[in-house]
Amino acid sequence: MKIVHVLGSLGMGGAERVALDLATTQRDLGHEVLAISLSGEEGGGPLASAFAESEVPVHVVAKKPGLDWTLPPRIAKALRSLDVDVVHTHNTPPLVYVAAAARISRHVVVHTKHGEGHLVSRAGQFLRRFGAPFVHSFVAVSQKTAEHAREQWAYPLPSRIKVITNGIRLDVHRPDSQSRGELRAELGIAENAWVVGTVGRCDENKNQVALIRALDAHLSEKVQLVVVGDGDRMAALKEARAASACPQAIHILGRRNDAHRVISSLDVFALPSLSEGLPLVILEAMATEIPIVSTNVGGIPKVIEHK
């Protein structure tokens, strides 16, 4: 088959990494696989190079700011020119803008909902509900995510919702004592220090500012915090660090391509998110065999209990 994965951007988030793993595996199974990014970022986003290295060509069909009524016909034109069999959309923007265009163009449409999601406006709910019926198969990454799709989105055909839980590569995510020593040396953290860390987009939902504030009274040379990720809350993170009683104990690393090595350097992984589906970083921390502290959202507590 010829399969195209459509994403809002090729950022460093969990949904994008799942799409990359899916695309790579499908290519290895003999399918022809492409990716479309709706982001106007250079190349479609930071992960574009990783898609290219995996021999998954990337096409950019950029969404204009605000509600872009020109995007569906532009997407339909792109899908016809690419002559694909299956269109796999990921998360909300591709569902809203691509599902109907793909279905009308007589493509098979699969959609994956990666996160539990936030409360959205009535207009946002209407757009999601508009796109959902055009999907042949609707995949949720956890049971909680599936329940959210049924209850909050009022998805009209529950029988089409399938739960396929996220997975990770255990050859990459595993205990790594060498990386632990190397990363601590790079950051100037003592080998015997107790290090808490988190990995994820720097946005309001991931809530890293709350983690800085929660740990602030305990930070010292022997208790350190590492934050990996980039996004629109980076300035707020840096402000929280500046306001800390021990700012030198807070390491804000920004975007990293070796997050698995960073996780290996930690003593505790923390996830302060306000909302999640089944986040990859929890699975990655579990595979690295370090303790996890998480907010009680999505399917996370059940996953940790099962482990």
C-alpha atoms as a PDB file:
ATOM      1  CA  MET A   1       0.000   0.000   0.000  1.00  0.00           C
ATOM      2  CA  LYS A   2       0.928   3.643  -0.280  1.00  0.00           C
ATOM      3  CA  ILE A   3       0.336   5.258   3.114  1.00  0.00           C
ATOM      4  CA  VAL A   4       0.579   8.900   4.138  1.00  0.00           C
ATOM      5  CA  HIS A   5       0.740  10.082   7.753  1.00  0.00           C
ATOM      6  CA  VAL A   6      -0.642  13.596   8.245  1.00  0.00           C
ATOM      7  CA  LEU A   7       0.447  15.577  11.306  1.00  0.00           C
ATOM      8  CA  GLY A   8      -0.061  19.122  12.527  1.00  0.00           C
ATOM      9  CA  SER A   9       3.723  19.421  12.666  1.00  0.00           C
ATOM     10  CA  LEU A  10       6.795  17.242  12.810  1.00  0.00           C
ATOM     11  CA  GLY A  11       7.693  18.378  16.306  1.00  0.00           C
ATOM     12  CA  MET A  12       9.429  16.368  19.016  1.00  0.00           C
ATOM     13  CA  GLY A  13       6.206  15.252  20.724  1.00  0.00           C
ATOM     14  CA  GLY A  14       4.951  11.754  21.445  1.00  0.00           C
ATOM     15  CA  ALA A  15       2.381  11.672  18.637  1.00  0.00           C
ATOM     16  CA  GLU A  16       5.018  12.611  16.086  1.00  0.00           C
ATOM     17  CA  ARG A  17       7.426   9.963  17.367  1.00  0.00           C
ATOM     18  CA  VAL A  18       4.685   7.323  17.258  1.00  0.00           C
ATOM     19  CA  ALA A  19       3.937   8.313  13.657  1.00  0.00           C
ATOM     20  CA  LEU A  20       7.642   8.037  12.813  1.00  0.00           C
ATOM     21  CA  ASP A  21       7.875   4.548  14.338  1.00  0.00           C
ATOM     22  CA  LEU A  22       4.705   3.483  12.499  1.00  0.00           C
ATOM     23  CA  ALA A  23       5.977   4.874   9.211  1.00  0.00           C
ATOM     24  CA  THR A  24       9.378   3.203   9.607  1.00  0.00           C
ATOM     25  CA  THR A  25       7.825  -0.158  10.476  1.00  0.00           C
ATOM     26  CA  GLN A  26       5.353   0.045   7.593  1.00  0.00           C
ATOM     27  CA  ARG A  27       8.206   0.855   5.216  1.00  0.00           C
ATOM     28  CA  ASP A  28      10.163  -2.138   6.529  1.00  0.00           C
ATOM     29  CA  LEU A  29       7.108  -4.307   5.813  1.00  0.00           C
ATOM     30  CA  GLY A  30       7.234  -3.276   2.168  1.00  0.00           C
ATOM     31  CA  HIS A  31       4.747  -0.403   1.998  1.00  0.00           C
ATOM     32  CA  GLU A  32       5.486   2.969   0.445  1.00  0.00           C
ATOM     33  CA  VAL A  33       5.162   5.565   3.201  1.00  0.00           C
ATOM     34  CA  LEU A  34       5.032   9.365   3.132  1.00  0.00           C
ATOM     35  CA  ALA A  35       4.369  12.131   5.638  1.00  0.00           C
ATOM     36  CA  ILE A  36       2.542  15.449   5.321  1.00  0.00           C
ATOM     37  CA  SER A  37       3.105  18.253   7.815  1.00  0.00           C
ATOM     38  CA  LEU A  38       0.606  21.081   8.168  1.00  0.00           C
ATOM     39  CA  SER A  39       3.228  23.262   9.841  1.00  0.00           C
ATOM     40  CA  GLY A  40       4.903  26.152   8.101  1.00  0.00           C
ATOM     41  CA  GLU A  41       8.139  25.482   9.995  1.00  0.00           C
ATOM     42  CA  GLU A  42      11.197  24.810   7.880  1.00  0.00           C
ATOM     43  CA  GLY A  43      10.916  21.283   6.513  1.00  0.00           C
ATOM     44  CA  GLY A  44       7.648  20.784   8.415  1.00  0.00           C
ATOM     45  CA  GLY A  45       9.247  20.629  11.870  1.00  0.00           C
ATOM     46  CA  PRO A  46      12.285  19.389  13.837  1.00  0.00           C
ATOM     47  CA  LEU A  47      11.587  15.681  13.199  1.00  0.00           C
ATOM     48  CA  ALA A  48      11.600  16.137   9.418  1.00  0.00           C
ATOM     49  CA  SER A  49      15.243  15.054   9.275  1.00  0.00           C
ATOM     50  CA  ALA A  50      14.437  11.880  11.235  1.00  0.00           C
ATOM     51  CA  PHE A  51      11.664  11.025   8.761  1.00  0.00           C
ATOM     52  CA  ALA A  52      14.088  11.620   5.888  1.00  0.00           C
ATOM     53  CA  GLU A  53      16.742   9.419   7.521  1.00  0.00           C
ATOM     54  CA  SER A  54      14.089   6.690   7.801  1.00  0.00           C
ATOM     55  CA  GLU A  55      13.414   7.050   4.056  1.00  0.00           C
ATOM     56  CA  VAL A  56       9.965   8.537   4.640  1.00  0.00           C
ATOM     57  CA  PRO A  57       9.610  11.580   2.333  1.00  0.00           C
ATOM     58  CA  VAL A  58       8.039  14.672   3.894  1.00  0.00           C
ATOM     59  CA  HIS A  59       5.665  17.034   2.107  1.00  0.00           C
ATOM     60  CA  VAL A  60       4.569  20.351   3.606  1.00  0.00           C
ATOM     61  CA  VAL A  61       1.049  21.684   3.052  1.00  0.00           C
ATOM     62  CA  ALA A  62       1.134  24.626   5.442  1.00  0.00           C
ATOM     63  CA  LYS A  63      -1.950  25.710   7.362  1.00  0.00           C
ATOM     64  CA  LYS A  64      -2.490  29.452   7.454  1.00  0.00           C
ATOM     65  CA  PRO A  65      -3.052  31.157  10.851  1.00  0.00           C
ATOM     66  CA  GLY A  66      -6.578  30.917  12.217  1.00  0.00           C
ATOM     67  CA  LEU A  67      -9.350  28.981  10.513  1.00  0.00           C
ATOM     68  CA  ASP A  68      -7.987  28.085   7.078  1.00  0.00           C
ATOM     69  CA  TRP A  69     -10.749  27.189   4.607  1.00  0.00           C
ATOM     70  CA  THR A  70      -8.180  26.905   1.803  1.00  0.00           C
ATOM     71  CA  LEU A  71      -6.439  23.949   3.450  1.00  0.00           C
ATOM     72  CA  PRO A  72      -8.924  21.108   2.650  1.00  0.00           C
ATOM     73  CA  PRO A  73      -8.853  21.691  -1.135  1.00  0.00           C
ATOM     74  CA  ARG A  74      -5.057  22.069  -1.033  1.00  0.00           C
ATOM     75  CA  ILE A  75      -4.809  18.804   0.927  1.00  0.00           C
ATOM     76  CA  ALA A  76      -7.157  17.051  -1.511  1.00  0.00           C
ATOM     77  CA  LYS A  77      -4.979  18.198  -4.414  1.00  0.00           C
ATOM     78  CA  ALA A  78      -1.838  16.954  -2.655  1.00  0.00           C
ATOM     79  CA  LEU A  79      -3.389  13.543  -1.903  1.00  0.00           C
ATOM     80  CA  ARG A  80      -4.466  13.130  -5.529  1.00  0.00           C
ATOM     81  CA  SER A  81      -0.990  14.019  -6.775  1.00  0.00           C
ATOM     82  CA  LEU A  82       0.631  11.594  -4.343  1.00  0.00           C
ATOM     83  CA  ASP A  83      -1.833   8.837  -5.345  1.00  0.00           C
ATOM     84  CA  VAL A  84      -2.008   7.284  -1.864  1.00  0.00           C
ATOM     85  CA  ASP A  85      -4.218   4.414  -0.677  1.00  0.00           C
ATOM     86  CA  VAL A  86      -4.457   5.151   3.060  1.00  0.00           C
ATOM     87  CA  VAL A  87      -4.504   8.524   4.815  1.00  0.00           C
ATOM     88  CA  HIS A  88      -3.585   8.281   8.513  1.00  0.00           C
ATOM     89  CA  THR A  89      -4.308  11.494  10.431  1.00  0.00           C
ATOM     90  CA  HIS A  90      -2.925  12.200  13.896  1.00  0.00           C
ATOM     91  CA  ASN A  91      -4.645  14.419  16.494  1.00  0.00           C
ATOM     92  CA  THR A  92      -7.051  17.293  15.953  1.00  0.00           C
ATOM     93  CA  PRO A  93      -5.886  19.631  13.140  1.00  0.00           C
ATOM     94  CA  PRO A  94      -5.444  16.821  10.580  1.00  0.00           C
ATOM     95  CA  LEU A  95      -8.803  15.342  11.615  1.00  0.00           C
ATOM     96  CA  VAL A  96     -10.540  18.691  11.122  1.00  0.00           C
ATOM     97  CA  TYR A  97      -8.867  19.674   7.859  1.00  0.00           C
ATOM     98  CA  VAL A  98      -7.926  16.390   6.197  1.00  0.00           C
ATOM     99  CA  ALA A  99     -10.424  13.620   7.010  1.00  0.00           C
ATOM    100  CA  ALA A 100     -13.314  14.966   4.933  1.00  0.00           C
ATOM    101  CA  ALA A 101     -11.071  15.916   2.010  1.00  0.00           C
ATOM    102  CA  ALA A 102      -9.458  12.462   2.031  1.00  0.00           C
ATOM    103  CA  ARG A 103     -12.784  10.622   2.249  1.00  0.00           C
ATOM    104  CA  ILE A 104     -14.337  12.679  -0.548  1.00  0.00           C
ATOM    105  CA  SER A 105     -11.239  11.874  -2.622  1.00  0.00           C
ATOM    106  CA  ARG A 106     -12.045   8.175  -1.983  1.00  0.00           C
ATOM    107  CA  HIS A 107      -9.107   7.367   0.257  1.00  0.00           C
ATOM    108  CA  VAL A 108      -9.270   5.047   3.255  1.00  0.00           C
ATOM    109  CA  VAL A 109      -8.984   7.235   6.363  1.00  0.00           C
ATOM    110  CA  VAL A 110      -7.511   6.147   9.708  1.00  0.00           C
ATOM    111  CA  HIS A 111      -7.303   8.586  12.600  1.00  0.00           C
ATOM    112  CA  THR A 112      -5.305   8.261  15.828  1.00  0.00           C
ATOM    113  CA  LYS A 113      -6.205  10.243  18.926  1.00  0.00           C
ATOM    114  CA  HIS A 114      -3.025  10.393  20.984  1.00  0.00           C
ATOM    115  CA  GLY A 115      -4.088  12.518  23.948  1.00  0.00           C
ATOM    116  CA  GLU A 116      -7.034  12.691  26.294  1.00  0.00           C
ATOM    117  CA  GLY A 117      -7.381  16.327  25.291  1.00  0.00           C
ATOM    118  CA  HIS A 118      -8.529  19.546  26.900  1.00  0.00           C
ATOM    119  CA  LEU A 119     -11.872  21.228  27.106  1.00  0.00           C
ATOM    120  CA  VAL A 120     -12.423  23.082  23.855  1.00  0.00           C
ATOM    121  CA  SER A 121     -14.821  25.723  22.631  1.00  0.00           C
ATOM    122  CA  ARG A 122     -18.158  24.797  21.094  1.00  0.00           C
ATOM    123  CA  ALA A 123     -16.721  25.724  17.705  1.00  0.00           C
ATOM    124  CA  GLY A 124     -13.792  23.382  18.322  1.00  0.00           C
ATOM    125  CA  GLN A 125     -16.105  20.556  19.356  1.00  0.00           C
ATOM    126  CA  PHE A 126     -18.226  21.133  16.268  1.00  0.00           C
ATOM    127  CA  LEU A 127     -15.177  20.911  13.988  1.00  0.00           C
ATOM    128  CA  ARG A 128     -13.988  17.694  15.633  1.00  0.00           C
ATOM    129  CA  ARG A 129     -17.427  16.159  15.375  1.00  0.00           C
ATOM    130  CA  PHE A 130     -17.619  17.261  11.749  1.00  0.00           C
ATOM    131  CA  GLY A 131     -14.399  15.443  10.879  1.00  0.00           C
ATOM    132  CA  ALA A 132     -14.951  12.239  12.871  1.00  0.00           C
ATOM    133  CA  PRO A 133     -17.680  10.598  10.700  1.00  0.00           C
ATOM    134  CA  PHE A 134     -15.354  10.681   7.664  1.00  0.00           C
ATOM    135  CA  VAL A 135     -12.938   8.289   9.401  1.00  0.00           C
ATOM    136  CA  HIS A 136     -13.106   4.583   8.559  1.00  0.00           C
ATOM    137  CA  SER A 137     -11.203   3.506  11.685  1.00  0.00           C
ATOM    138  CA  PHE A 138     -10.609   5.618  14.796  1.00  0.00           C
ATOM    139  CA  VAL A 139      -7.656   4.570  16.979  1.00  0.00           C
ATOM    140  CA  ALA A 140      -7.244   5.623  20.623  1.00  0.00           C
ATOM    141  CA  VAL A 141      -3.930   5.036  22.410  1.00  0.00           C
ATOM    142  CA  SER A 142      -5.577   4.142  25.729  1.00  0.00           C
ATOM    143  CA  GLN A 143      -8.982   3.106  27.056  1.00  0.00           C
ATOM    144  CA  LYS A 144      -9.348   6.482  28.752  1.00  0.00           C
ATOM    145  CA  THR A 145      -8.676   8.220  25.454  1.00  0.00           C
ATOM    146  CA  ALA A 146     -11.344   6.091  23.771  1.00  0.00           C
ATOM    147  CA  GLU A 147     -13.837   6.975  26.515  1.00  0.00           C
ATOM    148  CA  HIS A 148     -13.027  10.660  26.026  1.00  0.00           C
ATOM    149  CA  ALA A 149     -13.658  10.343  22.290  1.00  0.00           C
ATOM    150  CA  ARG A 150     -17.062   8.775  22.922  1.00  0.00           C
ATOM    151  CA  GLU A 151     -18.180  11.060  25.729  1.00  0.00           C
ATOM    152  CA  GLN A 152     -16.697  14.462  24.926  1.00  0.00           C
ATOM    153  CA  TRP A 153     -16.618  14.345  21.154  1.00  0.00           C
ATOM    154  CA  ALA A 154     -19.974  12.549  20.839  1.00  0.00           C
ATOM    155  CA  TYR A 155     -18.363  10.322  18.200  1.00  0.00           C
ATOM    156  CA  PRO A 156     -21.317   8.945  16.237  1.00  0.00           C
ATOM    157  CA  LEU A 157     -19.983   5.458  15.423  1.00  0.00           C
ATOM    158  CA  PRO A 158     -18.425   3.918  18.575  1.00  0.00           C
ATOM    159  CA  SER A 159     -17.916   0.586  16.818  1.00  0.00           C
ATOM    160  CA  ARG A 160     -15.183   2.205  14.708  1.00  0.00           C
ATOM    161  CA  ILE A 161     -13.101   3.137  17.778  1.00  0.00           C
ATOM    162  CA  LYS A 162     -10.225   0.730  18.411  1.00  0.00           C
ATOM    163  CA  VAL A 163      -7.829   0.892  21.366  1.00  0.00           C
ATOM    164  CA  ILE A 164      -4.211   0.253  20.349  1.00  0.00           C
ATOM    165  CA  THR A 165      -1.913   1.206  23.205  1.00  0.00           C
ATOM    166  CA  ASN A 166       1.367   2.970  22.548  1.00  0.00           C
ATOM    167  CA  GLY A 167       4.591   1.029  22.415  1.00  0.00           C
ATOM    168  CA  ILE A 168       8.302   1.882  22.430  1.00  0.00           C
ATOM    169  CA  ARG A 169      11.553   0.359  21.174  1.00  0.00           C
ATOM    170  CA  LEU A 170      13.194  -1.542  24.023  1.00  0.00           C
ATOM    171  CA  ASP A 171      16.502  -1.668  22.160  1.00  0.00           C
ATOM    172  CA  VAL A 172      16.711   2.121  22.595  1.00  0.00           C
ATOM    173  CA  HIS A 173      14.997   2.668  25.942  1.00  0.00           C
ATOM    174  CA  ARG A 174      16.807   0.677  28.629  1.00  0.00           C
ATOM    175  CA  PRO A 175      19.072   1.223  31.649  1.00  0.00           C
ATOM    176  CA  ASP A 176      22.312   2.855  30.525  1.00  0.00           C
ATOM    177  CA  SER A 177      24.940   3.512  33.177  1.00  0.00           C
ATOM    178  CA  GLN A 178      27.356   5.015  30.653  1.00  0.00           C
ATOM    179  CA  SER A 179      24.843   7.671  29.581  1.00  0.00           C
ATOM    180  CA  ARG A 180      24.108   8.409  33.235  1.00  0.00           C
ATOM    181  CA  GLY A 181      27.724   9.325  33.884  1.00  0.00           C
ATOM    182  CA  GLU A 182      28.185  11.213  30.617  1.00  0.00           C
ATOM    183  CA  LEU A 183      25.048  13.366  30.959  1.00  0.00           C
ATOM    184  CA  ARG A 184      25.792  14.269  34.566  1.00  0.00           C
ATOM    185  CA  ALA A 185      29.320  15.276  33.609  1.00  0.00           C
ATOM    186  CA  GLU A 186      27.958  17.368  30.724  1.00  0.00           C
ATOM    187  CA  LEU A 187      25.554  19.212  33.037  1.00  0.00           C
ATOM    188  CA  GLY A 188      27.982  19.561  35.929  1.00  0.00           C
ATOM    189  CA  ILE A 189      25.842  17.404  38.223  1.00  0.00           C
ATOM    190  CA  ALA A 190      27.598  15.346  40.885  1.00  0.00           C
ATOM    191  CA  GLU A 191      27.425  11.587  40.470  1.00  0.00           C
ATOM    192  CA  ASN A 192      25.879  11.218  43.932  1.00  0.00           C
ATOM    193  CA  ALA A 193      23.252  13.961  43.405  1.00  0.00           C
ATOM    194  CA  TRP A 194      19.563  13.038  43.414  1.00  0.00           C
ATOM    195  CA  VAL A 195      18.153  14.112  40.049  1.00  0.00           C
ATOM    196  CA  VAL A 196      14.499  14.575  39.110  1.00  0.00           C
ATOM    197  CA  GLY A 197      13.680  15.096  35.445  1.00  0.00           C
ATOM    198  CA  THR A 198      10.898  15.467  32.929  1.00  0.00           C
ATOM    199  CA  VAL A 199      10.695  15.307  29.133  1.00  0.00           C
ATOM    200  CA  GLY A 200       7.970  16.830  26.980  1.00  0.00           C
ATOM    201  CA  ARG A 201       6.733  19.842  25.037  1.00  0.00           C
ATOM    202  CA  CYS A 202       6.981  23.053  27.027  1.00  0.00           C
ATOM    203  CA  ASP A 203       3.327  24.004  27.016  1.00  0.00           C
ATOM    204  CA  GLU A 204       0.578  24.767  29.506  1.00  0.00           C
ATOM    205  CA  ASN A 205      -0.693  21.190  29.549  1.00  0.00           C
ATOM    206  CA  LYS A 206       2.689  19.632  30.365  1.00  0.00           C
ATOM    207  CA  ASN A 207       2.802  21.954  33.400  1.00  0.00           C
ATOM    208  CA  GLN A 208       6.578  22.012  33.943  1.00  0.00           C
ATOM    209  CA  VAL A 209       6.378  25.340  35.780  1.00  0.00           C
ATOM    210  CA  ALA A 210       4.395  23.594  38.540  1.00  0.00           C
ATOM    211  CA  LEU A 211       7.158  20.994  38.838  1.00  0.00           C
ATOM    212  CA  ILE A 212       9.792  23.719  39.327  1.00  0.00           C
ATOM    213  CA  ARG A 213       7.681  25.365  42.016  1.00  0.00           C
ATOM    214  CA  ALA A 214       6.943  22.056  43.760  1.00  0.00           C
ATOM    215  CA  LEU A 215      10.636  21.159  43.997  1.00  0.00           C
ATOM    216  CA  ASP A 216      11.980  24.635  44.683  1.00  0.00           C
ATOM    217  CA  ALA A 217      12.238  24.321  48.465  1.00  0.00           C
ATOM    218  CA  HIS A 218      14.229  21.079  48.091  1.00  0.00           C
ATOM    219  CA  LEU A 219      16.713  22.043  45.377  1.00  0.00           C
ATOM    220  CA  SER A 220      20.404  22.167  46.217  1.00  0.00           C
ATOM    221  CA  GLU A 221      23.735  20.873  44.997  1.00  0.00           C
ATOM    222  CA  LYS A 222      22.524  17.406  45.989  1.00  0.00           C
ATOM    223  CA  VAL A 223      18.968  17.703  44.587  1.00  0.00           C
ATOM    224  CA  GLN A 224      18.735  18.798  40.964  1.00  0.00           C
ATOM    225  CA  LEU A 225      16.003  19.184  38.327  1.00  0.00           C
ATOM    226  CA  VAL A 226      16.376  18.549  34.584  1.00  0.00           C
ATOM    227  CA  VAL A 227      13.743  19.694  32.063  1.00  0.00           C
ATOM    228  CA  VAL A 228      13.918  18.599  28.412  1.00  0.00           C
ATOM    229  CA  GLY A 229      11.681  20.072  25.713  1.00  0.00           C
ATOM    230  CA  ASP A 230      10.809  23.208  23.815  1.00  0.00           C
ATOM    231  CA  GLY A 231       7.632  25.154  23.164  1.00  0.00           C
ATOM    232  CA  ASP A 232       5.638  28.271  23.847  1.00  0.00           C
ATOM    233  CA  ARG A 233       6.104  28.071  27.639  1.00  0.00           C
ATOM    234  CA  MET A 234       9.895  28.195  27.505  1.00  0.00           C
ATOM    235  CA  ALA A 235       9.968  31.838  28.638  1.00  0.00           C
ATOM    236  CA  ALA A 236       7.727  30.985  31.615  1.00  0.00           C
ATOM    237  CA  LEU A 237      10.050  28.103  32.539  1.00  0.00           C
ATOM    238  CA  LYS A 238      13.053  30.382  32.522  1.00  0.00           C
ATOM    239  CA  GLU A 239      11.183  32.953  34.619  1.00  0.00           C
ATOM    240  CA  ALA A 240      10.338  30.227  37.163  1.00  0.00           C
ATOM    241  CA  ARG A 241      13.993  29.214  37.269  1.00  0.00           C
ATOM    242  CA  ALA A 242      15.086  32.831  37.774  1.00  0.00           C
ATOM    243  CA  ALA A 243      12.635  33.150  40.668  1.00  0.00           C
ATOM    244  CA  SER A 244      13.920  29.952  42.321  1.00  0.00           C
ATOM    245  CA  ALA A 245      15.922  30.057  45.540  1.00  0.00           C
ATOM    246  CA  CYS A 246      18.459  27.747  43.844  1.00  0.00           C
ATOM    247  CA  PRO A 247      18.368  28.450  40.077  1.00  0.00           C
ATOM    248  CA  GLN A 248      21.715  26.739  39.488  1.00  0.00           C
ATOM    249  CA  ALA A 249      20.060  23.425  40.370  1.00  0.00           C
ATOM    250  CA  ILE A 250      17.517  23.730  37.509  1.00  0.00           C
ATOM    251  CA  HIS A 251      18.761  22.595  34.117  1.00  0.00           C
ATOM    252  CA  ILE A 252      16.488  23.632  31.215  1.00  0.00           C
ATOM    253  CA  LEU A 253      17.946  21.810  28.219  1.00  0.00           C
ATOM    254  CA  GLY A 254      15.466  22.695  25.490  1.00  0.00           C
ATOM    255  CA  ARG A 255      15.045  20.344  22.548  1.00  0.00           C
ATOM    256  CA  ARG A 256      17.222  17.218  22.621  1.00  0.00           C
ATOM    257  CA  ASN A 257      17.526  14.351  20.153  1.00  0.00           C
ATOM    258  CA  ASP A 258      18.902  12.066  22.883  1.00  0.00           C
ATOM    259  CA  ALA A 259      16.089  12.244  25.449  1.00  0.00           C
ATOM    260  CA  HIS A 260      16.510   8.514  26.131  1.00  0.00           C
ATOM    261  CA  ARG A 261      20.049   9.211  27.376  1.00  0.00           C
ATOM    262  CA  VAL A 262      18.783  12.036  29.578  1.00  0.00           C
ATOM    263  CA  ILE A 263      16.173   9.751  31.139  1.00  0.00           C
ATOM    264  CA  SER A 264      18.923   7.219  31.895  1.00  0.00           C
ATOM    265  CA  SER A 265      20.734   9.896  33.919  1.00  0.00           C
ATOM    266  CA  LEU A 266      17.755  10.488  36.253  1.00  0.00           C
ATOM    267  CA  ASP A 267      16.882   9.051  39.664  1.00  0.00           C
ATOM    268  CA  VAL A 268      13.170   9.914  39.345  1.00  0.00           C
ATOM    269  CA  PHE A 269      11.051  10.738  36.310  1.00  0.00           C
ATOM    270  CA  ALA A 270       8.238  13.238  36.929  1.00  0.00           C
ATOM    271  CA  LEU A 271       5.251  14.003  34.714  1.00  0.00           C
ATOM    272  CA  PRO A 272       3.158  16.936  36.016  1.00  0.00           C
ATOM    273  CA  SER A 273       0.751  17.024  33.027  1.00  0.00           C
ATOM    274  CA  LEU A 274      -2.812  18.279  33.335  1.00  0.00           C
ATOM    275  CA  SER A 275      -4.023  15.852  30.657  1.00  0.00           C
ATOM    276  CA  GLU A 276      -2.564  12.817  28.872  1.00  0.00           C
ATOM    277  CA  GLY A 277      -3.560   9.776  26.853  1.00  0.00           C
ATOM    278  CA  LEU A 278      -0.791   7.191  27.164  1.00  0.00           C
ATOM    279  CA  PRO A 279       2.434   9.238  27.056  1.00  0.00           C
ATOM    280  CA  LEU A 280       5.498   7.622  25.546  1.00  0.00           C
ATOM    281  CA  VAL A 281       7.794   9.152  28.156  1.00  0.00           C
ATOM    282  CA  ILE A 282       6.119   7.122  30.899  1.00  0.00           C
ATOM    283  CA  LEU A 283       6.808   3.915  28.975  1.00  0.00           C
ATOM    284  CA  GLU A 284      10.358   5.071  28.271  1.00  0.00           C
ATOM    285  CA  ALA A 285      11.006   5.798  31.948  1.00  0.00           C
ATOM    286  CA  MET A 286       9.549   2.410  32.892  1.00  0.00           C
ATOM    287  CA  ALA A 287      11.856   0.685  30.394  1.00  0.00           C
ATOM    288  CA  THR A 288      14.787   2.574  31.928  1.00  0.00           C
ATOM    289  CA  GLU A 289      13.740   1.129  35.307  1.00  0.00           C
ATOM    290  CA  ILE A 290      13.598   4.361  37.265  1.00  0.00           C
ATOM    291  CA  PRO A 291      10.814   5.428  39.686  1.00  0.00           C
ATOM    292  CA  ILE A 292       7.996   7.558  38.252  1.00  0.00           C
ATOM    293  CA  VAL A 293       5.897  10.281  39.876  1.00  0.00           C
ATOM    294  CA  SER A 294       2.930  11.399  37.801  1.00  0.00           C
ATOM    295  CA  THR A 295      -0.285  13.320  38.057  1.00  0.00           C
ATOM    296  CA  ASN A 296      -3.398  11.143  37.993  1.00  0.00           C
ATOM    297  CA  VAL A 297      -4.495  11.687  34.393  1.00  0.00           C
ATOM    298  CA  GLY A 298      -5.372   9.457  31.440  1.00  0.00           C
ATOM    299  CA  GLY A 299      -4.297   5.816  31.663  1.00  0.00           C
ATOM    300  CA  ILE A 300      -1.013   6.473  33.484  1.00  0.00           C
ATOM    301  CA  PRO A 301      -1.746   5.078  36.980  1.00  0.00           C
ATOM    302  CA  LYS A 302      -3.054   1.779  35.570  1.00  0.00           C
ATOM    303  CA  VAL A 303       0.017   1.412  33.356  1.00  0.00           C
ATOM    304  CA  ILE A 304       2.398   1.946  36.271  1.00  0.00           C
ATOM    305  CA  GLU A 305       0.377  -0.416  38.495  1.00  0.00           C
ATOM    306  CA  HIS A 306       0.475  -3.081  35.785  1.00  0.00           C
ATOM    307  CA  LYS A 307       4.252  -2.768  35.554  1.00  0.00           C
END
